[in-house]
Full PDB file with SEQRES, HELIX, SHEET, SSBOND, CRYST1, ORIGX, SCALE, CONECT and MASTER records, all heavy atoms in Angstrom:
SEQRES   1 A   35  VAL LEU LYS GLU TYR GLU VAL GLN ILE GLU LYS VAL THR          
SEQRES   2 A   35  ARG GLN ASN ARG VAL ASP THR LYS SER MET VAL ILE ARG          
SEQRES   3 A   35  ILE THR ASP PRO GLU LEU LEU GLU ALA                          
HELIX    1 AA1 PRO A   30  GLU A   34  1                                   5    
SHEET    1 AA1 2 VAL A   7  VAL A  12  0                                        
SHEET    2 AA1 2 MET A  23  ILE A  27 -1                                        
CRYST1    1.000    1.000    1.000  90.00  90.00  90.00 P 1           1          
ORIGX1      1.000000  0.000000  0.000000        0.00000                         
ORIGX2      0.000000  1.000000  0.000000        0.00000                         
ORIGX3      0.000000  0.000000  1.000000        0.00000                         
SCALE1      1.000000  0.000000  0.000000        0.00000                         
SCALE2      0.000000  1.000000  0.000000        0.00000                         
SCALE3      0.000000  0.000000  1.000000        0.00000                         
ATOM      1  N   VAL A   1     -41.131 -58.871 174.049  1.00  0.00           N  
ATOM      2  CA  VAL A   1     -41.754 -58.327 172.834  1.00  0.00           C  
ATOM      3  C   VAL A   1     -40.800 -58.498 171.663  1.00  0.00           C  
ATOM      4  O   VAL A   1     -39.626 -58.110 171.737  1.00  0.00           O  
ATOM      5  CB  VAL A   1     -42.106 -56.842 173.023  1.00  0.00           C  
ATOM      6  CG1 VAL A   1     -42.707 -56.278 171.741  1.00  0.00           C  
ATOM      7  CG2 VAL A   1     -43.072 -56.668 174.185  1.00  0.00           C  
ATOM      8  N   LEU A   2     -41.298 -59.082 170.578  1.00  0.00           N  
ATOM      9  CA  LEU A   2     -40.514 -59.251 169.359  1.00  0.00           C  
ATOM     10  C   LEU A   2     -40.389 -57.905 168.651  1.00  0.00           C  
ATOM     11  O   LEU A   2     -41.389 -57.243 168.372  1.00  0.00           O  
ATOM     12  CB  LEU A   2     -41.194 -60.267 168.442  1.00  0.00           C  
ATOM     13  CG  LEU A   2     -40.566 -60.480 167.060  1.00  0.00           C  
ATOM     14  CD1 LEU A   2     -39.188 -61.106 167.192  1.00  0.00           C  
ATOM     15  CD2 LEU A   2     -41.476 -61.371 166.209  1.00  0.00           C  
ATOM     16  N   LYS A   3     -39.137 -57.497 168.350  1.00  0.00           N  
ATOM     17  CA  LYS A   3     -38.907 -56.223 167.669  1.00  0.00           C  
ATOM     18  C   LYS A   3     -37.879 -56.384 166.549  1.00  0.00           C  
ATOM     19  O   LYS A   3     -37.124 -57.354 166.517  1.00  0.00           O  
ATOM     20  CB  LYS A   3     -38.412 -55.162 168.659  1.00  0.00           C  
ATOM     21  CG  LYS A   3     -39.465 -54.676 169.643  1.00  0.00           C  
ATOM     22  CD  LYS A   3     -38.936 -53.493 170.463  1.00  0.00           C  
ATOM     23  CE  LYS A   3     -39.992 -52.947 171.399  1.00  0.00           C  
ATOM     24  NZ  LYS A   3     -39.504 -51.767 172.165  1.00  0.00           N  
ATOM     25  N   GLU A   4     -37.874 -55.406 165.654  1.00  0.00           N  
ATOM     26  CA  GLU A   4     -36.925 -55.371 164.543  1.00  0.00           C  
ATOM     27  C   GLU A   4     -35.927 -54.241 164.775  1.00  0.00           C  
ATOM     28  O   GLU A   4     -36.310 -53.122 165.131  1.00  0.00           O  
ATOM     29  CB  GLU A   4     -37.666 -55.152 163.219  1.00  0.00           C  
ATOM     30  CG  GLU A   4     -36.778 -55.271 161.988  1.00  0.00           C  
ATOM     31  CD  GLU A   4     -37.606 -55.353 160.702  1.00  0.00           C  
ATOM     32  OE1 GLU A   4     -38.813 -55.010 160.747  1.00  0.00           O  
ATOM     33  OE2 GLU A   4     -37.049 -55.760 159.677  1.00  0.00           O  
ATOM     34  N   TYR A   5     -34.646 -54.538 164.587  1.00  0.00           N  
ATOM     35  CA  TYR A   5     -33.584 -53.567 164.865  1.00  0.00           C  
ATOM     36  C   TYR A   5     -32.654 -53.438 163.651  1.00  0.00           C  
ATOM     37  O   TYR A   5     -32.405 -54.417 162.937  1.00  0.00           O  
ATOM     38  CB  TYR A   5     -32.756 -54.010 166.072  1.00  0.00           C  
ATOM     39  CG  TYR A   5     -33.560 -54.155 167.345  1.00  0.00           C  
ATOM     40  CD1 TYR A   5     -34.020 -55.411 167.752  1.00  0.00           C  
ATOM     41  CD2 TYR A   5     -33.855 -53.057 168.148  1.00  0.00           C  
ATOM     42  CE1 TYR A   5     -34.752 -55.554 168.931  1.00  0.00           C  
ATOM     43  CE2 TYR A   5     -34.586 -53.195 169.324  1.00  0.00           C  
ATOM     44  CZ  TYR A   5     -35.033 -54.439 169.707  1.00  0.00           C  
ATOM     45  OH  TYR A   5     -35.753 -54.585 170.866  1.00  0.00           O  
ATOM     46  N   GLU A   6     -32.115 -52.225 163.466  1.00  0.00           N  
ATOM     47  CA  GLU A   6     -31.237 -51.966 162.333  1.00  0.00           C  
ATOM     48  C   GLU A   6     -29.816 -52.454 162.599  1.00  0.00           C  
ATOM     49  O   GLU A   6     -29.290 -52.321 163.711  1.00  0.00           O  
ATOM     50  CB  GLU A   6     -31.194 -50.465 162.030  1.00  0.00           C  
ATOM     51  CG  GLU A   6     -32.506 -49.913 161.500  1.00  0.00           C  
ATOM     52  CD  GLU A   6     -32.394 -48.434 161.150  1.00  0.00           C  
ATOM     53  OE1 GLU A   6     -31.303 -47.845 161.366  1.00  0.00           O  
ATOM     54  OE2 GLU A   6     -33.394 -47.874 160.661  1.00  0.00           O  
ATOM     55  N   VAL A   7     -29.207 -53.043 161.563  1.00  0.00           N  
ATOM     56  CA  VAL A   7     -27.809 -53.459 161.612  1.00  0.00           C  
ATOM     57  C   VAL A   7     -27.149 -53.071 160.300  1.00  0.00           C  
ATOM     58  O   VAL A   7     -27.823 -52.675 159.341  1.00  0.00           O  
ATOM     59  CB  VAL A   7     -27.667 -54.986 161.837  1.00  0.00           C  
ATOM     60  CG1 VAL A   7     -28.354 -55.412 163.126  1.00  0.00           C  
ATOM     61  CG2 VAL A   7     -28.211 -55.778 160.648  1.00  0.00           C  
ATOM     62  N   GLN A   8     -25.848 -53.189 160.262  1.00  0.00           N  
ATOM     63  CA  GLN A   8     -25.077 -52.926 159.051  1.00  0.00           C  
ATOM     64  C   GLN A   8     -24.295 -54.187 158.699  1.00  0.00           C  
ATOM     65  O   GLN A   8     -23.593 -54.752 159.556  1.00  0.00           O  
ATOM     66  CB  GLN A   8     -24.106 -51.758 159.281  1.00  0.00           C  
ATOM     67  CG  GLN A   8     -23.424 -51.240 158.029  1.00  0.00           C  
ATOM     68  CD  GLN A   8     -24.286 -50.263 157.239  1.00  0.00           C  
ATOM     69  OE1 GLN A   8     -25.392 -49.930 157.684  1.00  0.00           O  
ATOM     70  NE2 GLN A   8     -23.817 -49.815 156.104  1.00  0.00           N  
ATOM     71  N   ILE A   9     -24.428 -54.657 157.458  1.00  0.00           N  
ATOM     72  CA  ILE A   9     -23.602 -55.760 156.993  1.00  0.00           C  
ATOM     73  C   ILE A   9     -22.286 -55.176 156.484  1.00  0.00           C  
ATOM     74  O   ILE A   9     -22.264 -54.419 155.524  1.00  0.00           O  
ATOM     75  CB  ILE A   9     -24.298 -56.572 155.894  1.00  0.00           C  
ATOM     76  CG1 ILE A   9     -25.583 -57.195 156.432  1.00  0.00           C  
ATOM     77  CG2 ILE A   9     -23.366 -57.674 155.355  1.00  0.00           C  
ATOM     78  CD1 ILE A   9     -26.375 -57.973 155.404  1.00  0.00           C  
ATOM     79  N   GLU A  10     -21.203 -55.518 157.171  1.00  0.00           N  
ATOM     80  CA  GLU A  10     -19.907 -54.939 156.839  1.00  0.00           C  
ATOM     81  C   GLU A  10     -19.106 -55.787 155.858  1.00  0.00           C  
ATOM     82  O   GLU A  10     -18.265 -55.265 155.126  1.00  0.00           O  
ATOM     83  CB  GLU A  10     -19.082 -54.739 158.109  1.00  0.00           C  
ATOM     84  CG  GLU A  10     -19.682 -53.736 159.074  1.00  0.00           C  
ATOM     85  CD  GLU A  10     -18.764 -53.418 160.233  1.00  0.00           C  
ATOM     86  OE1 GLU A  10     -17.941 -54.284 160.609  1.00  0.00           O  
ATOM     87  OE2 GLU A  10     -18.859 -52.293 160.772  1.00  0.00           O  
ATOM     88  N   LYS A  11     -19.363 -57.099 155.844  1.00  0.00           N  
ATOM     89  CA  LYS A  11     -18.579 -57.983 154.976  1.00  0.00           C  
ATOM     90  C   LYS A  11     -19.425 -59.204 154.626  1.00  0.00           C  
ATOM     91  O   LYS A  11     -20.110 -59.747 155.478  1.00  0.00           O  
ATOM     92  CB  LYS A  11     -17.289 -58.420 155.680  1.00  0.00           C  
ATOM     93  CG  LYS A  11     -16.400 -59.332 154.858  1.00  0.00           C  
ATOM     94  CD  LYS A  11     -15.147 -59.729 155.638  1.00  0.00           C  
ATOM     95  CE  LYS A  11     -14.264 -60.669 154.841  1.00  0.00           C  
ATOM     96  NZ  LYS A  11     -13.057 -61.082 155.610  1.00  0.00           N  
ATOM     97  N   VAL A  12     -19.346 -59.614 153.370  1.00  0.00           N  
ATOM     98  CA  VAL A  12     -20.016 -60.834 152.916  1.00  0.00           C  
ATOM     99  C   VAL A  12     -18.951 -61.751 152.326  1.00  0.00           C  
ATOM    100  O   VAL A  12     -18.193 -61.350 151.436  1.00  0.00           O  
ATOM    101  CB  VAL A  12     -21.093 -60.532 151.855  1.00  0.00           C  
ATOM    102  CG1 VAL A  12     -21.776 -61.825 151.413  1.00  0.00           C  
ATOM    103  CG2 VAL A  12     -22.117 -59.534 152.385  1.00  0.00           C  
ATOM    104  N   THR A  13     -18.863 -62.974 152.843  1.00  0.00           N  
ATOM    105  CA  THR A  13     -17.880 -63.939 152.362  1.00  0.00           C  
ATOM    106  C   THR A  13     -18.590 -64.990 151.524  1.00  0.00           C  
ATOM    107  O   THR A  13     -19.347 -65.813 152.062  1.00  0.00           O  
ATOM    108  CB  THR A  13     -17.153 -64.629 153.542  1.00  0.00           C  
ATOM    109  OG1 THR A  13     -16.541 -63.627 154.354  1.00  0.00           O  
ATOM    110  CG2 THR A  13     -16.083 -65.591 153.032  1.00  0.00           C  
ATOM    111  N   ARG A  14     -18.393 -64.965 150.197  1.00  0.00           N  
ATOM    112  CA  ARG A  14     -19.014 -65.962 149.324  1.00  0.00           C  
ATOM    113  C   ARG A  14     -18.410 -67.333 149.650  1.00  0.00           C  
ATOM    114  O   ARG A  14     -17.198 -67.471 149.724  1.00  0.00           O  
ATOM    115  CB  ARG A  14     -18.780 -65.634 147.855  1.00  0.00           C  
ATOM    116  CG  ARG A  14     -19.072 -64.183 147.485  1.00  0.00           C  
ATOM    117  CD  ARG A  14     -20.528 -63.796 147.702  1.00  0.00           C  
ATOM    118  NE  ARG A  14     -20.761 -62.381 147.404  1.00  0.00           N  
ATOM    119  CZ  ARG A  14     -21.844 -61.708 147.699  1.00  0.00           C  
ATOM    120  NH1 ARG A  14     -22.832 -62.330 148.328  1.00  0.00           N  
ATOM    121  NH2 ARG A  14     -21.968 -60.436 147.395  1.00  0.00           N  
ATOM    122  N   GLN A  15     -19.260 -68.322 149.832  1.00  0.00           N  
ATOM    123  CA  GLN A  15     -18.794 -69.620 150.326  1.00  0.00           C  
ATOM    124  C   GLN A  15     -19.326 -70.770 149.479  1.00  0.00           C  
ATOM    125  O   GLN A  15     -20.524 -70.860 149.226  1.00  0.00           O  
ATOM    126  CB  GLN A  15     -19.249 -69.825 151.782  1.00  0.00           C  
ATOM    127  CG  GLN A  15     -18.646 -68.819 152.748  1.00  0.00           C  
ATOM    128  CD  GLN A  15     -19.308 -68.866 154.118  1.00  0.00           C  
ATOM    129  OE1 GLN A  15     -20.494 -69.124 154.227  1.00  0.00           O  
ATOM    130  NE2 GLN A  15     -18.525 -68.622 155.160  1.00  0.00           N  
ATOM    131  N   ASN A  16     -18.401 -71.638 149.060  1.00  0.00           N  
ATOM    132  CA  ASN A  16     -18.796 -72.888 148.411  1.00  0.00           C  
ATOM    133  C   ASN A  16     -19.031 -73.981 149.442  1.00  0.00           C  
ATOM    134  O   ASN A  16     -19.750 -74.940 149.197  1.00  0.00           O  
ATOM    135  CB  ASN A  16     -17.712 -73.340 147.420  1.00  0.00           C  
ATOM    136  CG  ASN A  16     -17.567 -72.383 146.251  1.00  0.00           C  
ATOM    137  OD1 ASN A  16     -18.562 -71.850 145.763  1.00  0.00           O  
ATOM    138  ND2 ASN A  16     -16.350 -72.161 145.803  1.00  0.00           N  
ATOM    139  N   ARG A  17     -18.371 -73.851 150.599  1.00  0.00           N  
ATOM    140  CA  ARG A  17     -18.536 -74.816 151.678  1.00  0.00           C  
ATOM    141  C   ARG A  17     -19.268 -74.152 152.840  1.00  0.00           C  
ATOM    142  O   ARG A  17     -19.076 -72.962 153.119  1.00  0.00           O  
ATOM    143  CB  ARG A  17     -17.173 -75.331 152.134  1.00  0.00           C  
ATOM    144  CG  ARG A  17     -16.374 -75.988 151.029  1.00  0.00           C  
ATOM    145  CD  ARG A  17     -15.026 -76.485 151.516  1.00  0.00           C  
ATOM    146  NE  ARG A  17     -15.175 -77.571 152.474  1.00  0.00           N  
ATOM    147  CZ  ARG A  17     -14.134 -78.186 153.024  1.00  0.00           C  
ATOM    148  NH1 ARG A  17     -12.901 -77.818 152.721  1.00  0.00           N  
ATOM    149  NH2 ARG A  17     -14.334 -79.176 153.878  1.00  0.00           N  
ATOM    150  N   VAL A  18     -20.084 -74.932 153.528  1.00  0.00           N  
ATOM    151  CA  VAL A  18     -20.905 -74.384 154.609  1.00  0.00           C  
ATOM    152  C   VAL A  18     -20.027 -73.908 155.760  1.00  0.00           C  
ATOM    153  O   VAL A  18     -19.082 -74.579 156.167  1.00  0.00           O  
ATOM    154  CB  VAL A  18     -21.900 -75.445 155.120  1.00  0.00           C  
ATOM    155  CG1 VAL A  18     -22.773 -74.869 156.218  1.00  0.00           C  
ATOM    156  CG2 VAL A  18     -22.768 -75.948 153.975  1.00  0.00           C  
ATOM    157  N   ASP A  19     -20.334 -72.726 156.283  1.00  0.00           N  
ATOM    158  CA  ASP A  19     -19.609 -72.155 157.409  1.00  0.00           C  
ATOM    159  C   ASP A  19     -20.568 -71.250 158.173  1.00  0.00           C  
ATOM    160  O   ASP A  19     -21.475 -70.658 157.580  1.00  0.00           O  
ATOM    161  CB  ASP A  19     -18.398 -71.362 156.922  1.00  0.00           C  
ATOM    162  CG  ASP A  19     -17.396 -71.089 158.031  1.00  0.00           C  
ATOM    163  OD1 ASP A  19     -17.775 -70.406 159.000  1.00  0.00           O  
ATOM    164  OD2 ASP A  19     -16.254 -71.544 157.949  1.00  0.00           O  
ATOM    165  N   THR A  20     -20.362 -71.153 159.484  1.00  0.00           N  
ATOM    166  CA  THR A  20     -21.231 -70.296 160.293  1.00  0.00           C  
ATOM    167  C   THR A  20     -20.798 -68.829 160.245  1.00  0.00           C  
ATOM    168  O   THR A  20     -21.513 -67.966 160.747  1.00  0.00           O  
ATOM    169  CB  THR A  20     -21.242 -70.764 161.759  1.00  0.00           C  
ATOM    170  OG1 THR A  20     -19.909 -70.764 162.260  1.00  0.00           O  
ATOM    171  CG2 THR A  20     -21.825 -72.162 161.880  1.00  0.00           C  
ATOM    172  N   LYS A  21     -19.643 -68.560 159.666  1.00  0.00           N  
ATOM    173  CA  LYS A  21     -19.129 -67.185 159.602  1.00  0.00           C  
ATOM    174  C   LYS A  21     -19.212 -66.683 158.170  1.00  0.00           C  
ATOM    175  O   LYS A  21     -18.222 -66.515 157.476  1.00  0.00           O  
ATOM    176  CB  LYS A  21     -17.703 -67.133 160.145  1.00  0.00           C  
ATOM    177  CG  LYS A  21     -17.616 -67.558 161.620  1.00  0.00           C  
ATOM    178  CD  LYS A  21     -16.187 -67.583 162.125  1.00  0.00           C  
ATOM    179  CE  LYS A  21     -16.136 -68.009 163.593  1.00  0.00           C  
ATOM    180  NZ  LYS A  21     -14.751 -68.075 164.110  1.00  0.00           N  
ATOM    181  N   SER A  22     -20.442 -66.462 157.722  1.00  0.00           N  
ATOM    182  CA  SER A  22     -20.693 -66.086 156.335  1.00  0.00           C  
ATOM    183  C   SER A  22     -20.630 -64.588 156.106  1.00  0.00           C  
ATOM    184  O   SER A  22     -20.318 -64.133 155.012  1.00  0.00           O  
ATOM    185  CB  SER A  22     -22.070 -66.601 155.901  1.00  0.00           C  
ATOM    186  OG  SER A  22     -22.206 -67.983 156.137  1.00  0.00           O  
ATOM    187  N   MET A  23     -20.945 -63.814 157.144  1.00  0.00           N  
ATOM    188  CA  MET A  23     -20.937 -62.354 157.005  1.00  0.00           C  
ATOM    189  C   MET A  23     -20.651 -61.721 158.358  1.00  0.00           C  
ATOM    190  O   MET A  23     -20.872 -62.329 159.406  1.00  0.00           O  
ATOM    191  CB  MET A  23     -22.265 -61.849 156.437  1.00  0.00           C  
ATOM    192  CG  MET A  23     -23.496 -62.392 157.118  1.00  0.00           C  
ATOM    193  SD  MET A  23     -25.034 -61.942 156.249  1.00  0.00           S  
ATOM    194  CE  MET A  23     -26.096 -63.332 156.676  1.00  0.00           C  
ATOM    195  N   VAL A  24     -20.155 -60.509 158.297  1.00  0.00           N  
ATOM    196  CA  VAL A  24     -19.894 -59.729 159.510  1.00  0.00           C  
ATOM    197  C   VAL A  24     -20.963 -58.655 159.606  1.00  0.00           C  
ATOM    198  O   VAL A  24     -21.188 -57.909 158.647  1.00  0.00           O  
ATOM    199  CB  VAL A  24     -18.489 -59.096 159.481  1.00  0.00           C  
ATOM    200  CG1 VAL A  24     -18.295 -58.196 160.703  1.00  0.00           C  
ATOM    201  CG2 VAL A  24     -17.414 -60.178 159.444  1.00  0.00           C  
ATOM    202  N   ILE A  25     -21.625 -58.589 160.755  1.00  0.00           N  
ATOM    203  CA  ILE A  25     -22.654 -57.571 160.949  1.00  0.00           C  
ATOM    204  C   ILE A  25     -22.280 -56.684 162.137  1.00  0.00           C  
ATOM    205  O   ILE A  25     -21.545 -57.097 163.030  1.00  0.00           O  
ATOM    206  CB  ILE A  25     -24.045 -58.192 161.183  1.00  0.00           C  
ATOM    207  CG1 ILE A  25     -24.064 -58.989 162.503  1.00  0.00           C  
ATOM    208  CG2 ILE A  25     -24.449 -59.076 160.021  1.00  0.00           C  
ATOM    209  CD1 ILE A  25     -25.456 -59.433 162.908  1.00  0.00           C  
ATOM    210  N   ARG A  26     -22.794 -55.470 162.116  1.00  0.00           N  
ATOM    211  CA  ARG A  26     -22.574 -54.522 163.214  1.00  0.00           C  
ATOM    212  C   ARG A  26     -23.923 -53.955 163.638  1.00  0.00           C  
ATOM    213  O   ARG A  26     -24.727 -53.532 162.799  1.00  0.00           O  
ATOM    214  CB  ARG A  26     -21.636 -53.400 162.776  1.00  0.00           C  
ATOM    215  CG  ARG A  26     -21.381 -52.343 163.861  1.00  0.00           C  
ATOM    216  CD  ARG A  26     -20.203 -51.439 163.484  1.00  0.00           C  
ATOM    217  NE  ARG A  26     -20.382 -50.822 162.185  1.00  0.00           N  
ATOM    218  CZ  ARG A  26     -21.009 -49.670 161.973  1.00  0.00           C  
ATOM    219  NH1 ARG A  26     -21.547 -49.009 162.999  1.00  0.00           N  
ATOM    220  NH2 ARG A  26     -21.116 -49.165 160.764  1.00  0.00           N  
ATOM    221  N   ILE A  27     -24.168 -53.965 164.929  1.00  0.00           N  
ATOM    222  CA  ILE A  27     -25.418 -53.402 165.461  1.00  0.00           C  
ATOM    223  C   ILE A  27     -25.329 -51.880 165.392  1.00  0.00           C  
ATOM    224  O   ILE A  27     -24.381 -51.278 165.898  1.00  0.00           O  
ATOM    225  CB  ILE A  27     -25.656 -53.838 166.917  1.00  0.00           C  
ATOM    226  CG1 ILE A  27     -25.627 -55.366 167.037  1.00  0.00           C  
ATOM    227  CG2 ILE A  27     -26.975 -53.281 167.431  1.00  0.00           C  
ATOM    228  CD1 ILE A  27     -26.696 -56.075 166.244  1.00  0.00           C  
ATOM    229  N   THR A  28     -26.321 -51.255 164.777  1.00  0.00           N  
ATOM    230  CA  THR A  28     -26.348 -49.789 164.663  1.00  0.00           C  
ATOM    231  C   THR A  28     -27.574 -49.179 165.322  1.00  0.00           C  
ATOM    232  O   THR A  28     -27.620 -47.968 165.522  1.00  0.00           O  
ATOM    233  CB  THR A  28     -26.325 -49.365 163.177  1.00  0.00           C  
ATOM    234  OG1 THR A  28     -27.443 -49.966 162.493  1.00  0.00           O  
ATOM    235  CG2 THR A  28     -25.024 -49.809 162.505  1.00  0.00           C  
ATOM    236  N   ASP A  29     -28.555 -49.992 165.670  1.00  0.00           N  
ATOM    237  CA  ASP A  29     -29.802 -49.484 166.237  1.00  0.00           C  
ATOM    238  C   ASP A  29     -29.555 -48.935 167.647  1.00  0.00           C  
ATOM    239  O   ASP A  29     -29.108 -49.670 168.531  1.00  0.00           O  
ATOM    240  CB  ASP A  29     -30.843 -50.607 166.292  1.00  0.00           C  
ATOM    241  CG  ASP A  29     -32.239 -50.085 166.523  1.00  0.00           C  
ATOM    242  OD1 ASP A  29     -32.519 -49.615 167.641  1.00  0.00           O  
ATOM    243  OD2 ASP A  29     -33.048 -50.143 165.582  1.00  0.00           O  
ATOM    244  N   PRO A  30     -29.835 -47.641 167.896  1.00  0.00           N  
ATOM    245  CA  PRO A  30     -29.576 -47.040 169.220  1.00  0.00           C  
ATOM    246  C   PRO A  30     -30.328 -47.739 170.349  1.00  0.00           C  
ATOM    247  O   PRO A  30     -29.784 -47.911 171.442  1.00  0.00           O  
ATOM    248  CB  PRO A  30     -30.054 -45.588 169.050  1.00  0.00           C  
ATOM    249  CG  PRO A  30     -30.009 -45.331 167.577  1.00  0.00           C  
ATOM    250  CD  PRO A  30     -30.341 -46.638 166.931  1.00  0.00           C  
ATOM    251  N   GLU A  31     -31.561 -48.158 170.103  1.00  0.00           N  
ATOM    252  CA  GLU A  31     -32.356 -48.817 171.146  1.00  0.00           C  
ATOM    253  C   GLU A  31     -31.730 -50.158 171.548  1.00  0.00           C  
ATOM    254  O   GLU A  31     -31.636 -50.485 172.733  1.00  0.00           O  
ATOM    255  CB  GLU A  31     -33.789 -49.039 170.651  1.00  0.00           C  
ATOM    256  CG  GLU A  31     -34.688 -49.688 171.700  1.00  0.00           C  
ATOM    257  CD  GLU A  31     -36.091 -49.955 171.172  1.00  0.00           C  
ATOM    258  OE1 GLU A  31     -36.414 -49.490 170.051  1.00  0.00           O  
ATOM    259  OE2 GLU A  31     -36.867 -50.632 171.885  1.00  0.00           O  
ATOM    260  N   LEU A  32     -31.292 -50.919 170.555  1.00  0.00           N  
ATOM    261  CA  LEU A  32     -30.685 -52.218 170.848  1.00  0.00           C  
ATOM    262  C   LEU A  32     -29.331 -52.045 171.530  1.00  0.00           C  
ATOM    263  O   LEU A  32     -29.006 -52.782 172.477  1.00  0.00           O  
ATOM    264  CB  LEU A  32     -30.528 -53.028 169.559  1.00  0.00           C  
ATOM    265  CG  LEU A  32     -30.001 -54.452 169.700  1.00  0.00           C  
ATOM    266  CD1 LEU A  32     -30.867 -55.266 170.647  1.00  0.00           C  
ATOM    267  CD2 LEU A  32     -29.909 -55.141 168.342  1.00  0.00           C  
ATOM    268  N   LEU A  33     -28.551 -51.069 171.102  1.00  0.00           N  
ATOM    269  CA  LEU A  33     -27.255 -50.815 171.730  1.00  0.00           C  
ATOM    270  C   LEU A  33     -27.422 -50.401 173.190  1.00  0.00           C  
ATOM    271  O   LEU A  33     -26.644 -50.816 174.062  1.00  0.00           O  
ATOM    272  CB  LEU A  33     -26.497 -49.735 170.957  1.00  0.00           C  
ATOM    273  CG  LEU A  33     -25.937 -50.146 169.588  1.00  0.00           C  
ATOM    274  CD1 LEU A  33     -25.394 -48.933 168.849  1.00  0.00           C  
ATOM    275  CD2 LEU A  33     -24.847 -51.208 169.747  1.00  0.00           C  
ATOM    276  N   GLU A  34     -28.439 -49.592 173.457  1.00  0.00           N  
ATOM    277  CA  GLU A  34     -28.674 -49.161 174.831  1.00  0.00           C  
ATOM    278  C   GLU A  34     -29.114 -50.327 175.712  1.00  0.00           C  
ATOM    279  O   GLU A  34     -28.727 -50.430 176.886  1.00  0.00           O  
ATOM    280  CB  GLU A  34     -29.744 -48.065 174.863  1.00  0.00           C  
ATOM    281  CG  GLU A  34     -30.003 -47.514 176.257  1.00  0.00           C  
ATOM    282  CD  GLU A  34     -31.038 -46.402 176.264  1.00  0.00           C  
ATOM    283  OE1 GLU A  34     -31.503 -46.001 175.175  1.00  0.00           O  
ATOM    284  OE2 GLU A  34     -31.388 -45.927 177.371  1.00  0.00           O  
ATOM    285  N   ALA A  35     -29.890 -51.238 175.128  1.00  0.00           N  
ATOM    286  CA  ALA A  35     -30.440 -52.351 175.917  1.00  0.00           C  
ATOM    287  C   ALA A  35     -29.425 -53.459 176.149  1.00  0.00           C  
ATOM    288  O   ALA A  35     -29.392 -54.075 177.222  1.00  0.00           O  
ATOM    289  CB  ALA A  35     -31.669 -52.921 175.219  1.00  0.00           C  
TER     290      ALA A  35                                                      
MASTER        0    0    0    1    2    0    0    6  289    1    0    3          
END                                                                             
């Protein structure tokens, strides 16, 4: 089942060059953390 879960964006790195590490996120949703 497709679901939506809450996260927190902790850091955003402005980038002129493409990179896969653009931001740091933290999972905060209790249901997702439990699963």
